[in-house]
Amino acid sequence: MATAKKKAKATRKKAPAKRTAVKKAPAKKHAAKKAAPLTARQQIQAKKVELAAKAELDKARELAKFTQKWVKARTTADARKLAALEKKVAKQLQTAKRKALAKAKATEEKAAAKIKAAAKSAKAKATKAAKPKRKAAPKKRAAPKAKAKPKAKAKAKKK
């Protein structure tokens, strides 16, 4: 290798001004290459952060939509349940009202029947009291029965 380097130096033309520039250029390029990946990494990191922020926004937006749909569905379901409960309670009240009316009617009829019976008995007592009392004819005593005659004793049996 050493010989190859020497041969390369010998075949080259000397250009001192350019050589110094050529030597400096690789250092600048190397610095630029080091800086370029850093900026590329920074750009990638910035893009990652930007995409993450967009993802969070999309997630929040979708969650908000889902929440709105869920709340709407929940309120309609609750409204349906409340309507059914109100209907059920109204029906129970109506049946209770009917039963109470029927019971009241039955007690009125019972009371009316009692009043009618009491009036009838009072009327019967009044008519009985208003009629003149007749003296009842004395009861005839039945004639005492004649005692039965004793039967003749059977004749004695022959031996």
N, C-alpha and C. Protein backbone atom coordinates (compact mmCIF):
# COMPACT_ATOMS: atom_id res chain seq x y z
N MET A 1 0.80 -1.18 0.00
CA MET A 1 0.00 0.00 0.00
C MET A 1 0.86 1.26 0.00
N ALA A 2 1.85 1.20 0.73
CA ALA A 2 2.72 2.38 0.78
C ALA A 2 3.22 2.74 -0.61
N THR A 3 3.52 1.78 -1.39
CA THR A 3 4.02 2.05 -2.73
C THR A 3 2.93 2.64 -3.61
N ALA A 4 1.70 2.22 -3.40
CA ALA A 4 0.60 2.75 -4.20
C ALA A 4 0.38 4.21 -3.89
N LYS A 5 0.57 4.58 -2.65
CA LYS A 5 0.40 5.98 -2.26
C LYS A 5 1.50 6.83 -2.88
N LYS A 6 2.69 6.31 -2.86
CA LYS A 6 3.81 7.06 -3.42
C LYS A 6 3.62 7.25 -4.92
N LYS A 7 3.14 6.23 -5.60
CA LYS A 7 2.91 6.33 -7.02
C LYS A 7 1.82 7.34 -7.31
N ALA A 8 0.81 7.36 -6.49
CA ALA A 8 -0.29 8.28 -6.69
C ALA A 8 0.19 9.70 -6.50
N LYS A 9 1.08 9.93 -5.55
CA LYS A 9 1.61 11.26 -5.31
C LYS A 9 2.48 11.70 -6.47
N ALA A 10 3.21 10.81 -7.00
CA ALA A 10 4.11 11.14 -8.09
C ALA A 10 3.33 11.47 -9.36
N THR A 11 2.26 10.82 -9.61
CA THR A 11 1.51 11.05 -10.83
C THR A 11 0.64 12.29 -10.72
N ARG A 12 0.36 12.73 -9.60
CA ARG A 12 -0.50 13.89 -9.43
C ARG A 12 0.24 15.16 -9.80
N LYS A 13 -0.55 16.10 -10.27
CA LYS A 13 -0.01 17.42 -10.53
C LYS A 13 -0.20 18.23 -9.29
N LYS A 14 0.72 19.07 -9.05
CA LYS A 14 0.67 19.86 -7.84
C LYS A 14 -0.18 21.08 -8.07
N ALA A 15 -1.11 21.29 -7.20
CA ALA A 15 -1.95 22.47 -7.21
C ALA A 15 -2.16 22.84 -5.76
N PRO A 16 -1.24 23.66 -5.22
CA PRO A 16 -1.28 23.93 -3.78
C PRO A 16 -2.54 24.64 -3.31
N ALA A 17 -3.05 25.56 -4.09
CA ALA A 17 -4.23 26.31 -3.64
C ALA A 17 -5.44 25.39 -3.56
N LYS A 18 -5.54 24.54 -4.54
CA LYS A 18 -6.68 23.64 -4.55
C LYS A 18 -6.55 22.58 -3.48
N ARG A 19 -5.31 22.18 -3.24
CA ARG A 19 -5.12 21.12 -2.25
C ARG A 19 -5.58 21.57 -0.88
N THR A 20 -5.27 22.74 -0.52
CA THR A 20 -5.70 23.23 0.78
C THR A 20 -7.23 23.33 0.82
N ALA A 21 -7.78 23.73 -0.31
CA ALA A 21 -9.24 23.81 -0.38
C ALA A 21 -9.84 22.42 -0.33
N VAL A 22 -9.18 21.46 -0.98
CA VAL A 22 -9.68 20.08 -0.98
C VAL A 22 -9.59 19.51 0.42
N LYS A 23 -8.54 19.83 1.13
CA LYS A 23 -8.40 19.32 2.48
C LYS A 23 -9.47 19.92 3.39
N LYS A 24 -9.78 21.18 3.19
CA LYS A 24 -10.79 21.82 4.04
C LYS A 24 -12.19 21.34 3.69
N ALA A 25 -12.40 21.07 2.44
CA ALA A 25 -13.73 20.67 2.00
C ALA A 25 -14.20 19.39 2.70
N PRO A 26 -13.38 18.34 2.82
CA PRO A 26 -13.88 17.16 3.51
C PRO A 26 -14.24 17.45 4.96
N ALA A 27 -13.58 18.32 5.60
CA ALA A 27 -13.92 18.65 6.99
C ALA A 27 -15.28 19.34 7.03
N LYS A 28 -15.52 20.23 6.09
CA LYS A 28 -16.81 20.90 6.03
C LYS A 28 -17.92 19.91 5.68
N LYS A 29 -17.60 19.01 4.71
CA LYS A 29 -18.59 18.02 4.33
C LYS A 29 -18.91 17.10 5.50
N HIS A 30 -17.84 16.73 6.21
CA HIS A 30 -18.04 15.85 7.37
C HIS A 30 -18.92 16.54 8.41
N ALA A 31 -18.65 17.83 8.63
CA ALA A 31 -19.45 18.59 9.58
C ALA A 31 -20.87 18.72 9.04
N ALA A 32 -20.99 18.91 7.75
CA ALA A 32 -22.31 19.03 7.15
C ALA A 32 -23.04 17.70 7.22
N LYS A 33 -22.30 16.58 7.01
CA LYS A 33 -22.92 15.26 7.12
C LYS A 33 -23.37 14.99 8.54
N LYS A 34 -22.56 15.44 9.52
CA LYS A 34 -22.97 15.27 10.92
C LYS A 34 -24.19 16.12 11.22
N ALA A 35 -24.20 17.32 10.69
CA ALA A 35 -25.32 18.24 10.93
C ALA A 35 -26.57 17.76 10.20
N ALA A 36 -26.42 17.24 9.01
CA ALA A 36 -27.57 16.80 8.22
C ALA A 36 -28.34 15.68 8.93
N PRO A 37 -27.70 14.63 9.43
CA PRO A 37 -28.48 13.61 10.14
C PRO A 37 -29.15 14.18 11.39
N LEU A 38 -28.48 15.11 12.04
CA LEU A 38 -29.12 15.71 13.22
C LEU A 38 -30.37 16.46 12.80
N THR A 39 -30.28 17.21 11.76
CA THR A 39 -31.47 17.93 11.32
C THR A 39 -32.51 16.94 10.80
N ALA A 40 -32.07 15.88 10.13
CA ALA A 40 -33.01 14.87 9.65
C ALA A 40 -33.68 14.19 10.85
N ARG A 41 -32.88 13.87 11.85
CA ARG A 41 -33.46 13.27 13.06
C ARG A 41 -34.44 14.23 13.72
N GLN A 42 -34.02 15.50 13.75
CA GLN A 42 -34.91 16.49 14.34
C GLN A 42 -36.20 16.62 13.52
N GLN A 43 -36.06 16.57 12.20
CA GLN A 43 -37.24 16.64 11.35
C GLN A 43 -38.15 15.42 11.58
N ILE A 44 -37.54 14.26 11.68
CA ILE A 44 -38.31 13.04 11.93
C ILE A 44 -39.02 13.13 13.29
N GLN A 45 -38.26 13.61 14.27
CA GLN A 45 -38.85 13.76 15.62
C GLN A 45 -39.99 14.77 15.59
N ALA A 46 -39.79 15.88 14.87
CA ALA A 46 -40.83 16.90 14.77
C ALA A 46 -42.06 16.32 14.07
N LYS A 47 -41.82 15.52 13.02
CA LYS A 47 -42.93 14.91 12.30
C LYS A 47 -43.67 13.93 13.21
N LYS A 48 -42.90 13.16 14.01
CA LYS A 48 -43.52 12.23 14.96
C LYS A 48 -44.41 12.98 15.95
N VAL A 49 -43.90 14.09 16.46
CA VAL A 49 -44.66 14.89 17.42
C VAL A 49 -45.91 15.44 16.75
N GLU A 50 -45.76 15.92 15.51
CA GLU A 50 -46.91 16.47 14.78
C GLU A 50 -47.97 15.39 14.55
N LEU A 51 -47.52 14.21 14.11
CA LEU A 51 -48.46 13.11 13.88
C LEU A 51 -49.13 12.65 15.17
N ALA A 52 -48.37 12.64 16.25
CA ALA A 52 -48.95 12.26 17.55
C ALA A 52 -50.02 13.27 17.97
N ALA A 53 -49.73 14.57 17.74
CA ALA A 53 -50.72 15.60 18.08
C ALA A 53 -51.98 15.44 17.23
N LYS A 54 -51.79 15.16 15.92
CA LYS A 54 -52.94 14.95 15.04
C LYS A 54 -53.74 13.73 15.50
N ALA A 55 -53.03 12.67 15.91
CA ALA A 55 -53.70 11.46 16.38
C ALA A 55 -54.51 11.75 17.64
N GLU A 56 -53.94 12.54 18.53
CA GLU A 56 -54.67 12.91 19.75
C GLU A 56 -55.91 13.72 19.43
N LEU A 57 -55.79 14.66 18.48
CA LEU A 57 -56.95 15.45 18.06
C LEU A 57 -58.03 14.57 17.45
N ASP A 58 -57.59 13.65 16.56
CA ASP A 58 -58.55 12.74 15.94
C ASP A 58 -59.23 11.86 17.00
N LYS A 59 -58.42 11.40 17.93
CA LYS A 59 -58.96 10.56 19.01
C LYS A 59 -59.98 11.34 19.83
N ALA A 60 -59.63 12.55 20.19
CA ALA A 60 -60.55 13.38 20.97
C ALA A 60 -61.83 13.65 20.18
N ARG A 61 -61.69 13.93 18.88
CA ARG A 61 -62.86 14.20 18.04
C ARG A 61 -63.76 12.97 17.96
N GLU A 62 -63.15 11.81 17.75
CA GLU A 62 -63.92 10.57 17.66
C GLU A 62 -64.59 10.24 19.00
N LEU A 63 -63.86 10.46 20.09
CA LEU A 63 -64.45 10.23 21.42
C LEU A 63 -65.63 11.16 21.65
N ALA A 64 -65.49 12.39 21.21
CA ALA A 64 -66.59 13.35 21.37
C ALA A 64 -67.80 12.91 20.56
N LYS A 65 -67.57 12.46 19.32
CA LYS A 65 -68.68 11.97 18.49
C LYS A 65 -69.34 10.77 19.15
N PHE A 66 -68.50 9.84 19.60
CA PHE A 66 -69.03 8.64 20.25
C PHE A 66 -69.83 9.01 21.50
N THR A 67 -69.29 9.95 22.27
CA THR A 67 -69.97 10.38 23.49
C THR A 67 -71.32 11.00 23.17
N GLN A 68 -71.35 11.82 22.13
CA GLN A 68 -72.62 12.43 21.74
C GLN A 68 -73.63 11.38 21.31
N LYS A 69 -73.18 10.41 20.51
CA LYS A 69 -74.08 9.34 20.09
C LYS A 69 -74.56 8.54 21.29
N TRP A 70 -73.64 8.24 22.19
CA TRP A 70 -73.98 7.45 23.37
C TRP A 70 -74.97 8.19 24.25
N VAL A 71 -74.72 9.48 24.45
CA VAL A 71 -75.63 10.28 25.29
C VAL A 71 -77.01 10.34 24.64
N LYS A 72 -77.05 10.53 23.34
CA LYS A 72 -78.33 10.59 22.63
C LYS A 72 -79.08 9.27 22.77
N ALA A 73 -78.38 8.17 22.56
CA ALA A 73 -79.01 6.85 22.69
C ALA A 73 -79.47 6.62 24.12
N ARG A 74 -78.66 7.02 25.07
CA ARG A 74 -79.01 6.83 26.48
C ARG A 74 -80.25 7.64 26.86
N THR A 75 -80.31 8.89 26.40
CA THR A 75 -81.47 9.72 26.74
C THR A 75 -82.74 9.17 26.10
N THR A 76 -82.64 8.68 24.86
CA THR A 76 -83.84 8.11 24.24
C THR A 76 -84.27 6.85 24.96
N ALA A 77 -83.32 6.03 25.37
CA ALA A 77 -83.65 4.80 26.11
C ALA A 77 -84.28 5.16 27.46
N ASP A 78 -83.70 6.15 28.13
CA ASP A 78 -84.26 6.59 29.41
C ASP A 78 -85.67 7.14 29.24
N ALA A 79 -85.86 7.91 28.16
CA ALA A 79 -87.19 8.49 27.90
C ALA A 79 -88.20 7.37 27.67
N ARG A 80 -87.80 6.34 26.92
CA ARG A 80 -88.68 5.20 26.67
C ARG A 80 -89.04 4.50 27.97
N LYS A 81 -88.04 4.28 28.81
CA LYS A 81 -88.27 3.61 30.09
C LYS A 81 -89.19 4.44 30.98
N LEU A 82 -88.97 5.74 31.02
CA LEU A 82 -89.82 6.61 31.84
C LEU A 82 -91.25 6.61 31.33
N ALA A 83 -91.42 6.65 30.01
CA ALA A 83 -92.77 6.63 29.44
C ALA A 83 -93.48 5.32 29.79
N ALA A 84 -92.76 4.21 29.71
CA ALA A 84 -93.35 2.92 30.05
C ALA A 84 -93.73 2.88 31.54
N LEU A 85 -92.85 3.43 32.38
CA LEU A 85 -93.14 3.45 33.81
C LEU A 85 -94.35 4.32 34.12
N GLU A 86 -94.43 5.49 33.48
CA GLU A 86 -95.58 6.38 33.68
C GLU A 86 -96.87 5.69 33.25
N LYS A 87 -96.81 4.98 32.13
CA LYS A 87 -97.98 4.26 31.63
C LYS A 87 -98.40 3.19 32.63
N LYS A 88 -97.41 2.47 33.16
CA LYS A 88 -97.69 1.41 34.12
C LYS A 88 -98.32 1.97 35.39
N VAL A 89 -97.75 3.07 35.89
CA VAL A 89 -98.27 3.69 37.12
C VAL A 89 -99.68 4.23 36.88
N ALA A 90 -99.91 4.83 35.71
CA ALA A 90 -101.24 5.35 35.39
C ALA A 90 -102.26 4.21 35.35
N LYS A 91 -101.87 3.08 34.79
CA LYS A 91 -102.76 1.92 34.73
C LYS A 91 -103.06 1.41 36.14
N GLN A 92 -102.03 1.35 36.99
CA GLN A 92 -102.23 0.91 38.38
C GLN A 92 -103.19 1.84 39.11
N LEU A 93 -103.01 3.15 38.91
CA LEU A 93 -103.90 4.12 39.56
C LEU A 93 -105.33 3.95 39.07
N GLN A 94 -105.47 3.72 37.77
CA GLN A 94 -106.81 3.55 37.21
C GLN A 94 -107.49 2.31 37.78
N THR A 95 -106.76 1.21 37.88
CA THR A 95 -107.36 -0.01 38.44
C THR A 95 -107.69 0.18 39.92
N ALA A 96 -106.81 0.88 40.64
CA ALA A 96 -107.10 1.15 42.05
C ALA A 96 -108.34 2.02 42.20
N LYS A 97 -108.47 2.99 41.31
CA LYS A 97 -109.64 3.88 41.34
C LYS A 97 -110.92 3.08 41.06
N ARG A 98 -110.85 2.19 40.05
CA ARG A 98 -112.01 1.36 39.74
C ARG A 98 -112.39 0.48 40.93
N LYS A 99 -111.39 -0.12 41.56
CA LYS A 99 -111.66 -0.98 42.72
C LYS A 99 -112.30 -0.18 43.85
N ALA A 100 -111.77 1.02 44.08
CA ALA A 100 -112.32 1.86 45.15
C ALA A 100 -113.76 2.23 44.85
N LEU A 101 -114.04 2.58 43.59
CA LEU A 101 -115.42 2.92 43.21
C LEU A 101 -116.34 1.72 43.37
N ALA A 102 -115.87 0.55 42.97
CA ALA A 102 -116.68 -0.65 43.09
C ALA A 102 -116.95 -0.97 44.56
N LYS A 103 -115.93 -0.80 45.39
CA LYS A 103 -116.09 -1.06 46.83
C LYS A 103 -117.08 -0.07 47.45
N ALA A 104 -116.97 1.19 47.05
CA ALA A 104 -117.88 2.21 47.57
C ALA A 104 -119.31 1.90 47.14
N LYS A 105 -119.48 1.51 45.90
CA LYS A 105 -120.81 1.18 45.39
C LYS A 105 -121.39 -0.01 46.15
N ALA A 106 -120.53 -1.02 46.40
CA ALA A 106 -120.99 -2.21 47.12
C ALA A 106 -121.41 -1.84 48.54
N THR A 107 -120.64 -0.99 49.21
CA THR A 107 -121.00 -0.60 50.59
C THR A 107 -122.28 0.22 50.58
N GLU A 108 -122.47 1.07 49.56
CA GLU A 108 -123.71 1.85 49.45
C GLU A 108 -124.91 0.92 49.28
N GLU A 109 -124.74 -0.08 48.39
CA GLU A 109 -125.82 -1.04 48.17
C GLU A 109 -126.12 -1.83 49.44
N LYS A 110 -125.09 -2.21 50.16
CA LYS A 110 -125.27 -2.94 51.41
C LYS A 110 -126.01 -2.08 52.43
N ALA A 111 -125.59 -0.83 52.52
CA ALA A 111 -126.24 0.09 53.47
C ALA A 111 -127.69 0.32 53.06
N ALA A 112 -127.94 0.45 51.76
CA ALA A 112 -129.31 0.65 51.28
C ALA A 112 -130.16 -0.58 51.62
N ALA A 113 -129.58 -1.77 51.45
CA ALA A 113 -130.32 -2.99 51.76
C ALA A 113 -130.64 -3.06 53.26
N LYS A 114 -129.67 -2.67 54.09
CA LYS A 114 -129.91 -2.66 55.54
C LYS A 114 -131.01 -1.67 55.90
N ILE A 115 -130.96 -0.50 55.29
CA ILE A 115 -131.97 0.53 55.57
C ILE A 115 -133.34 0.03 55.13
N LYS A 116 -133.40 -0.62 53.96
CA LYS A 116 -134.67 -1.13 53.45
C LYS A 116 -135.22 -2.21 54.38
N ALA A 117 -134.34 -3.09 54.85
CA ALA A 117 -134.77 -4.16 55.77
C ALA A 117 -135.26 -3.56 57.08
N ALA A 118 -134.54 -2.57 57.57
CA ALA A 118 -134.93 -1.93 58.83
C ALA A 118 -136.28 -1.23 58.66
N ALA A 119 -136.47 -0.59 57.51
CA ALA A 119 -137.75 0.10 57.25
C ALA A 119 -138.88 -0.92 57.15
N LYS A 120 -138.62 -2.03 56.52
CA LYS A 120 -139.64 -3.07 56.36
C LYS A 120 -140.04 -3.63 57.73
N SER A 121 -139.05 -3.90 58.57
CA SER A 121 -139.37 -4.44 59.90
C SER A 121 -140.09 -3.40 60.75
N ALA A 122 -139.70 -2.14 60.60
CA ALA A 122 -140.38 -1.08 61.36
C ALA A 122 -141.82 -0.95 60.88
N LYS A 123 -142.04 -1.07 59.58
CA LYS A 123 -143.39 -0.99 59.04
C LYS A 123 -144.24 -2.16 59.54
N ALA A 124 -143.62 -3.32 59.55
CA ALA A 124 -144.32 -4.51 60.04
C ALA A 124 -144.70 -4.33 61.51
N LYS A 125 -143.78 -3.79 62.28
CA LYS A 125 -144.07 -3.57 63.71
C LYS A 125 -145.18 -2.53 63.86
N ALA A 126 -145.15 -1.52 63.02
CA ALA A 126 -146.15 -0.46 63.10
C ALA A 126 -147.52 -1.00 62.73
N THR A 127 -147.60 -1.78 61.69
CA THR A 127 -148.91 -2.35 61.30
C THR A 127 -149.41 -3.32 62.35
N LYS A 128 -148.51 -4.04 62.94
CA LYS A 128 -148.89 -4.98 64.00
C LYS A 128 -149.42 -4.22 65.20
N ALA A 129 -148.76 -3.14 65.52
CA ALA A 129 -149.18 -2.34 66.67
C ALA A 129 -150.49 -1.62 66.37
N ALA A 130 -150.75 -1.26 65.14
CA ALA A 130 -151.95 -0.52 64.77
C ALA A 130 -153.19 -1.42 64.75
N LYS A 131 -153.06 -2.69 64.49
CA LYS A 131 -154.21 -3.59 64.44
C LYS A 131 -154.75 -3.79 65.86
N PRO A 132 -156.11 -3.80 65.97
CA PRO A 132 -156.68 -4.06 67.31
C PRO A 132 -156.44 -5.52 67.67
N LYS A 133 -156.12 -5.69 68.94
CA LYS A 133 -155.81 -7.04 69.38
C LYS A 133 -157.12 -7.76 69.71
N ARG A 134 -157.27 -8.89 69.22
CA ARG A 134 -158.41 -9.73 69.56
C ARG A 134 -158.02 -10.61 70.72
N LYS A 135 -159.05 -10.85 71.53
CA LYS A 135 -158.75 -11.77 72.60
C LYS A 135 -158.80 -13.15 72.00
N ALA A 136 -157.85 -13.86 72.32
CA ALA A 136 -157.81 -15.19 71.78
C ALA A 136 -158.81 -16.06 72.54
N ALA A 137 -159.51 -16.88 71.83
CA ALA A 137 -160.48 -17.76 72.47
C ALA A 137 -159.74 -18.72 73.38
N PRO A 138 -160.33 -18.95 74.54
CA PRO A 138 -159.61 -19.85 75.44
C PRO A 138 -159.48 -21.22 74.80
N LYS A 139 -158.39 -21.76 75.02
CA LYS A 139 -158.13 -23.07 74.41
C LYS A 139 -158.93 -24.12 75.16
N LYS A 140 -159.49 -24.97 74.41
CA LYS A 140 -160.26 -26.05 75.02
C LYS A 140 -159.29 -27.10 75.47
N ARG A 141 -159.63 -27.57 76.65
CA ARG A 141 -158.77 -28.62 77.14
C ARG A 141 -159.27 -29.93 76.57
N ALA A 142 -158.38 -30.70 76.24
CA ALA A 142 -158.77 -31.99 75.69
C ALA A 142 -159.28 -32.86 76.84
N ALA A 143 -160.33 -33.60 76.57
CA ALA A 143 -160.91 -34.45 77.61
C ALA A 143 -159.91 -35.52 77.96
N PRO A 144 -159.85 -35.80 79.25
CA PRO A 144 -158.88 -36.81 79.63
C PRO A 144 -159.29 -38.16 79.04
N LYS A 145 -158.32 -38.85 78.59
CA LYS A 145 -158.58 -40.13 77.95
C LYS A 145 -158.99 -41.14 79.02
N ALA A 146 -159.89 -41.98 78.66
CA ALA A 146 -160.33 -43.02 79.59
C ALA A 146 -159.24 -44.04 79.69
N LYS A 147 -159.09 -44.49 80.89
CA LYS A 147 -158.03 -45.46 81.08
C LYS A 147 -158.43 -46.73 80.37
N ALA A 148 -157.52 -47.35 79.84
CA ALA A 148 -157.80 -48.59 79.13
C ALA A 148 -158.09 -49.68 80.16
N LYS A 149 -159.02 -50.48 79.82
CA LYS A 149 -159.38 -51.54 80.73
C LYS A 149 -158.27 -52.56 80.70
N PRO A 150 -158.01 -53.07 81.88
CA PRO A 150 -156.98 -54.10 81.86
C PRO A 150 -157.49 -55.33 81.15
N LYS A 151 -156.65 -55.89 80.43
CA LYS A 151 -157.03 -57.07 79.66
C LYS A 151 -157.19 -58.23 80.61
N ALA A 152 -158.08 -59.04 80.23
CA ALA A 152 -158.31 -60.22 81.07
C ALA A 152 -157.09 -61.08 80.97
N LYS A 153 -156.76 -61.57 82.11
CA LYS A 153 -155.57 -62.39 82.11
C LYS A 153 -155.87 -63.64 81.34
N ALA A 154 -154.93 -64.05 80.71
CA ALA A 154 -155.10 -65.25 79.91
C ALA A 154 -155.46 -66.42 80.82
N LYS A 155 -156.30 -67.18 80.33
CA LYS A 155 -156.74 -68.31 81.13
C LYS A 155 -155.55 -69.19 81.35
N ALA A 156 -155.67 -69.86 82.42
CA ALA A 156 -154.56 -70.72 82.78
C ALA A 156 -154.46 -71.87 81.79
N LYS A 157 -153.37 -72.21 81.56
CA LYS A 157 -153.11 -73.23 80.55
C LYS A 157 -153.40 -74.60 81.16
N LYS A 158 -153.86 -75.42 80.33
CA LYS A 158 -154.13 -76.78 80.78
C LYS A 158 -152.84 -77.51 80.78
N LYS A 159 -152.83 -78.42 81.83
CA LYS A 159 -151.62 -79.19 81.98
C LYS A 159 -151.69 -80.42 81.21
